[in-house]
C-alpha cells in the first residue's frame, strides 16, 4: 500500500470511529468465533480504550515486485469488530494449528479450556496470540507487532 493510501485509510478510520489511532498492527491471520479463518490478513488498531479489527478486499497482490491480480472464487465479505481493553482477561501465545482448530473444537465440545503454548512449542512452531475475553470468547491474531499485551 502506498504511503498516501495508508495515510488516507488511517484518517478515514479515525473519522469513522471518532478518535485518534494510538496503536496499530497488521495480523497475518485471524481466527474469530463463528467466522471462517481469515488467512489473508486483518488490520488491528486501538482508539481510546477500544481495539478494532477489520479486513480489506485485496484486488492485487505484490509478489517479488510483480503485481498479480487475485482470482477469488468466493465474493469478499468484510469482517470487522471490536472489544474494550477492560474486556481482556489475558493475552498469551498458542500454536497456530491450535488456534486454527480451536473454535470448531470448542463448538463440538472437544475443548473445555484454552491452554497456553509450552516453551518448546513457542520455540519450534508458528505461534499466534490468543486474546481471551471476560465473556469467554477467544480471538486469535498472528500480529506483526503485539499491541495487546
C-alpha atoms as a PDB file:
ATOM      1  CA  UNK A   1       0.000   0.000   0.000  1.00  0.00           C
ATOM      2  CA  UNK A   2       1.386   3.385  -0.918  1.00  0.00           C
ATOM      3  CA  UNK A   3       2.052   5.945   1.804  1.00  0.00           C
ATOM      4  CA  UNK A   4      -0.719   8.302   0.584  1.00  0.00           C
ATOM      5  CA  UNK A   5      -3.224   5.431   0.598  1.00  0.00           C
ATOM      6  CA  UNK A   6      -2.128   4.442   4.111  1.00  0.00           C
ATOM      7  CA  UNK A   7      -2.496   7.986   5.454  1.00  0.00           C
ATOM      8  CA  UNK A   8      -5.916   8.268   3.792  1.00  0.00           C
ATOM      9  CA  UNK A   9      -7.018   4.948   5.260  1.00  0.00           C
ATOM     10  CA  UNK A  10      -5.905   5.939   8.776  1.00  0.00           C
ATOM     11  CA  UNK A  11      -7.709   9.286   8.541  1.00  0.00           C
ATOM     12  CA  UNK A  12     -10.844   7.545   7.302  1.00  0.00           C
ATOM     13  CA  UNK A  13     -10.754   5.108  10.224  1.00  0.00           C
ATOM     14  CA  UNK A  14     -10.169   7.919  12.739  1.00  0.00           C
ATOM     15  CA  UNK A  15     -13.153   9.832  11.361  1.00  0.00           C
ATOM     16  CA  UNK A  16     -15.357   6.747  11.255  1.00  0.00           C
ATOM     17  CA  UNK A  17     -14.529   5.699  14.835  1.00  0.00           C
ATOM     18  CA  UNK A  18     -14.319   9.268  16.154  1.00  0.00           C
ATOM     19  CA  UNK A  19     -10.851   9.221  17.712  1.00  0.00           C
ATOM     20  CA  UNK A  20      -7.091   9.086  17.170  1.00  0.00           C
ATOM     21  CA  UNK A  21      -5.410   5.750  16.417  1.00  0.00           C
ATOM     22  CA  UNK A  22      -2.860   5.285  19.198  1.00  0.00           C
ATOM     23  CA  UNK A  23      -1.556   1.844  18.254  1.00  0.00           C
ATOM     24  CA  UNK A  24      -1.854  -0.363  15.188  1.00  0.00           C
ATOM     25  CA  UNK A  25      -0.568  -3.512  13.600  1.00  0.00           C
ATOM     26  CA  UNK A  26      -1.364  -5.947  10.848  1.00  0.00           C
ATOM     27  CA  UNK A  27      -2.357  -9.515  11.680  1.00  0.00           C
ATOM     28  CA  UNK A  28      -1.295 -12.073   9.094  1.00  0.00           C
ATOM     29  CA  UNK A  29      -4.115 -14.359  10.165  1.00  0.00           C
ATOM     30  CA  UNK A  30      -7.112 -14.111  12.452  1.00  0.00           C
ATOM     31  CA  UNK A  31      -9.431 -16.736  13.915  1.00  0.00           C
ATOM     32  CA  UNK A  32     -12.708 -15.475  15.366  1.00  0.00           C
ATOM     33  CA  UNK A  33     -15.732 -17.241  16.878  1.00  0.00           C
ATOM     34  CA  UNK A  34     -18.416 -18.115  14.309  1.00  0.00           C
ATOM     35  CA  UNK A  35     -16.233 -16.971  11.401  1.00  0.00           C
ATOM     36  CA  UNK A  36     -14.212 -18.633   8.718  1.00  0.00           C
ATOM     37  CA  UNK A  37     -10.445 -18.394   9.357  1.00  0.00           C
ATOM     38  CA  UNK A  38      -9.061 -15.151   7.913  1.00  0.00           C
ATOM     39  CA  UNK A  39      -5.691 -16.047   6.497  1.00  0.00           C
ATOM     40  CA  UNK A  40      -5.384 -13.055   4.199  1.00  0.00           C
ATOM     41  CA  UNK A  41      -4.692 -10.573   6.978  1.00  0.00           C
ATOM     42  CA  UNK A  42      -6.578  -8.063   9.041  1.00  0.00           C
ATOM     43  CA  UNK A  43      -5.822  -4.560  10.357  1.00  0.00           C
ATOM     44  CA  UNK A  44      -5.880  -4.270  14.165  1.00  0.00           C
ATOM     45  CA  UNK A  45      -5.823  -0.841  15.802  1.00  0.00           C
ATOM     46  CA  UNK A  46      -6.642   0.950  19.031  1.00  0.00           C
ATOM     47  CA  UNK A  47      -8.654   4.132  19.546  1.00  0.00           C
ATOM     48  CA  UNK A  48      -9.161   5.220  23.149  1.00  0.00           C
ATOM     49  CA  UNK A  49      -9.806   2.100  25.228  1.00  0.00           C
ATOM     50  CA  UNK A  50     -11.188   0.038  22.329  1.00  0.00           C
ATOM     51  CA  UNK A  51      -9.428  -2.323  19.929  1.00  0.00           C
ATOM     52  CA  UNK A  52     -10.907  -2.560  16.439  1.00  0.00           C
ATOM     53  CA  UNK A  53     -10.187  -5.042  13.683  1.00  0.00           C
ATOM     54  CA  UNK A  54     -11.244  -5.108  10.066  1.00  0.00           C
ATOM     55  CA  UNK A  55     -10.114  -6.599   6.812  1.00  0.00           C
ATOM     56  CA  UNK A  56      -9.991  -5.084   3.371  1.00  0.00           C
ATOM     57  CA  UNK A  57     -10.604  -6.534  -0.040  1.00  0.00           C
ATOM     58  CA  UNK A  58      -7.387  -7.039  -1.914  1.00  0.00           C
ATOM     59  CA  UNK A  59      -7.649  -6.879  -5.665  1.00  0.00           C
ATOM     60  CA  UNK A  60      -3.941  -7.252  -6.349  1.00  0.00           C
ATOM     61  CA  UNK A  61      -1.026  -8.987  -4.690  1.00  0.00           C
ATOM     62  CA  UNK A  62       2.623  -7.953  -4.990  1.00  0.00           C
ATOM     63  CA  UNK A  63       4.988 -10.909  -5.244  1.00  0.00           C
ATOM     64  CA  UNK A  64       8.695 -10.152  -5.670  1.00  0.00           C
ATOM     65  CA  UNK A  65       7.887  -6.894  -7.418  1.00  0.00           C
ATOM     66  CA  UNK A  66       5.341  -8.415  -9.803  1.00  0.00           C
ATOM     67  CA  UNK A  67       1.705  -7.417  -9.492  1.00  0.00           C
ATOM     68  CA  UNK A  68      -0.686 -10.369  -9.666  1.00  0.00           C
ATOM     69  CA  UNK A  69      -4.456  -9.973  -9.945  1.00  0.00           C
ATOM     70  CA  UNK A  70      -6.290 -12.146  -7.418  1.00  0.00           C
ATOM     71  CA  UNK A  71      -8.763 -14.646  -8.750  1.00  0.00           C
ATOM     72  CA  UNK A  72     -11.108 -15.453  -5.929  1.00  0.00           C
ATOM     73  CA  UNK A  73     -13.899 -17.969  -6.301  1.00  0.00           C
ATOM     74  CA  UNK A  74     -15.711 -16.514  -3.280  1.00  0.00           C
ATOM     75  CA  UNK A  75     -17.069 -12.973  -3.077  1.00  0.00           C
ATOM     76  CA  UNK A  76     -15.413 -10.778  -0.455  1.00  0.00           C
ATOM     77  CA  UNK A  77     -17.327 -10.455   2.823  1.00  0.00           C
ATOM     78  CA  UNK A  78     -15.995  -7.740   5.115  1.00  0.00           C
ATOM     79  CA  UNK A  79     -15.112  -8.764   8.655  1.00  0.00           C
ATOM     80  CA  UNK A  80     -14.896  -6.198  11.431  1.00  0.00           C
ATOM     81  CA  UNK A  81     -15.396  -5.999  15.142  1.00  0.00           C
ATOM     82  CA  UNK A  82     -14.152  -4.512  18.365  1.00  0.00           C
ATOM     83  CA  UNK A  83     -13.563  -5.176  22.042  1.00  0.00           C
ATOM     84  CA  UNK A  84     -12.760  -2.960  25.010  1.00  0.00           C
ATOM     85  CA  UNK A  85      -9.385  -3.098  26.735  1.00  0.00           C
ATOM     86  CA  UNK A  86     -11.202  -3.766  30.029  1.00  0.00           C
ATOM     87  CA  UNK A  87     -12.841  -6.857  28.430  1.00  0.00           C
ATOM     88  CA  UNK A  88      -9.461  -8.584  28.001  1.00  0.00           C
ATOM     89  CA  UNK A  89      -8.944 -11.328  30.577  1.00  0.00           C
ATOM     90  CA  UNK A  90      -5.499 -12.373  29.312  1.00  0.00           C
ATOM     91  CA  UNK A  91      -3.281 -12.480  26.221  1.00  0.00           C
ATOM     92  CA  UNK A  92      -0.928 -15.399  25.597  1.00  0.00           C
ATOM     93  CA  UNK A  93       0.627 -17.480  22.825  1.00  0.00           C
ATOM     94  CA  UNK A  94      -0.733 -20.689  21.359  1.00  0.00           C
ATOM     95  CA  UNK A  95       0.376 -22.682  18.331  1.00  0.00           C
ATOM     96  CA  UNK A  96      -1.113 -21.523  15.060  1.00  0.00           C
ATOM     97  CA  UNK A  97      -2.506 -25.015  14.374  1.00  0.00           C
ATOM     98  CA  UNK A  98      -4.263 -24.988  17.764  1.00  0.00           C
ATOM     99  CA  UNK A  99      -5.720 -21.532  17.056  1.00  0.00           C
ATOM    100  CA  UNK A 100      -6.906 -22.616  13.632  1.00  0.00           C
ATOM    101  CA  UNK A 101      -8.937 -25.512  15.016  1.00  0.00           C
ATOM    102  CA  UNK A 102      -9.963 -24.045  18.395  1.00  0.00           C
ATOM    103  CA  UNK A 103     -13.399 -22.625  17.537  1.00  0.00           C
ATOM    104  CA  UNK A 104     -14.553 -25.731  15.686  1.00  0.00           C
ATOM    105  CA  UNK A 105     -13.405 -27.998  18.518  1.00  0.00           C
ATOM    106  CA  UNK A 106     -14.946 -25.710  21.145  1.00  0.00           C
ATOM    107  CA  UNK A 107     -18.328 -25.878  19.350  1.00  0.00           C
ATOM    108  CA  UNK A 108     -18.217 -29.670  19.292  1.00  0.00           C
ATOM    109  CA  UNK A 109     -17.213 -29.846  22.960  1.00  0.00           C
ATOM    110  CA  UNK A 110     -13.719 -31.218  22.318  1.00  0.00           C
ATOM    111  CA  UNK A 111     -12.083 -28.260  24.104  1.00  0.00           C
ATOM    112  CA  UNK A 112     -13.130 -27.300  27.605  1.00  0.00           C
ATOM    113  CA  UNK A 113     -10.481 -24.661  28.374  1.00  0.00           C
ATOM    114  CA  UNK A 114      -7.813 -22.966  26.302  1.00  0.00           C
ATOM    115  CA  UNK A 115      -4.201 -23.742  27.076  1.00  0.00           C
ATOM    116  CA  UNK A 116      -1.056 -21.710  26.553  1.00  0.00           C
ATOM    117  CA  UNK A 117       1.743 -22.989  24.318  1.00  0.00           C
ATOM    118  CA  UNK A 118       4.698 -24.599  26.087  1.00  0.00           C
ATOM    119  CA  UNK A 119       8.221 -23.200  25.744  1.00  0.00           C
ATOM    120  CA  UNK A 120       9.026 -25.993  23.321  1.00  0.00           C
ATOM    121  CA  UNK A 121       6.046 -25.123  21.105  1.00  0.00           C
ATOM    122  CA  UNK A 122       6.929 -21.410  21.232  1.00  0.00           C
ATOM    123  CA  UNK A 123      10.462 -22.181  20.053  1.00  0.00           C
ATOM    124  CA  UNK A 124       9.727 -24.656  17.281  1.00  0.00           C
ATOM    125  CA  UNK A 125       6.241 -23.954  15.943  1.00  0.00           C
ATOM    126  CA  UNK A 126       4.459 -20.981  14.468  1.00  0.00           C
ATOM    127  CA  UNK A 127       2.532 -19.228  17.207  1.00  0.00           C
ATOM    128  CA  UNK A 128      -0.255 -16.714  17.368  1.00  0.00           C
ATOM    129  CA  UNK A 129      -1.709 -14.622  20.186  1.00  0.00           C
ATOM    130  CA  UNK A 130      -4.880 -15.728  21.940  1.00  0.00           C
ATOM    131  CA  UNK A 131      -6.970 -12.888  23.348  1.00  0.00           C
ATOM    132  CA  UNK A 132      -9.265 -14.335  25.984  1.00  0.00           C
ATOM    133  CA  UNK A 133     -12.147 -12.023  26.808  1.00  0.00           C
ATOM    134  CA  UNK A 134     -14.097 -11.791  30.067  1.00  0.00           C
ATOM    135  CA  UNK A 135     -17.224 -13.172  28.335  1.00  0.00           C
ATOM    136  CA  UNK A 136     -15.385 -16.407  27.425  1.00  0.00           C
ATOM    137  CA  UNK A 137     -14.804 -15.632  23.747  1.00  0.00           C
ATOM    138  CA  UNK A 138     -11.303 -16.174  22.404  1.00  0.00           C
ATOM    139  CA  UNK A 139      -9.889 -14.266  19.433  1.00  0.00           C
ATOM    140  CA  UNK A 140      -6.624 -15.239  17.758  1.00  0.00           C
ATOM    141  CA  UNK A 141      -4.366 -12.750  15.966  1.00  0.00           C
ATOM    142  CA  UNK A 142      -1.000 -13.517  14.397  1.00  0.00           C
ATOM    143  CA  UNK A 143       0.211  -9.940  14.913  1.00  0.00           C
ATOM    144  CA  UNK A 144       3.278  -8.399  13.324  1.00  0.00           C
ATOM    145  CA  UNK A 145       3.649  -6.212  16.437  1.00  0.00           C
ATOM    146  CA  UNK A 146       1.946  -7.288  19.656  1.00  0.00           C
ATOM    147  CA  UNK A 147      -0.151  -4.304  20.689  1.00  0.00           C
ATOM    148  CA  UNK A 148      -2.386  -6.176  23.137  1.00  0.00           C
ATOM    149  CA  UNK A 149      -0.030  -7.226  25.927  1.00  0.00           C
END
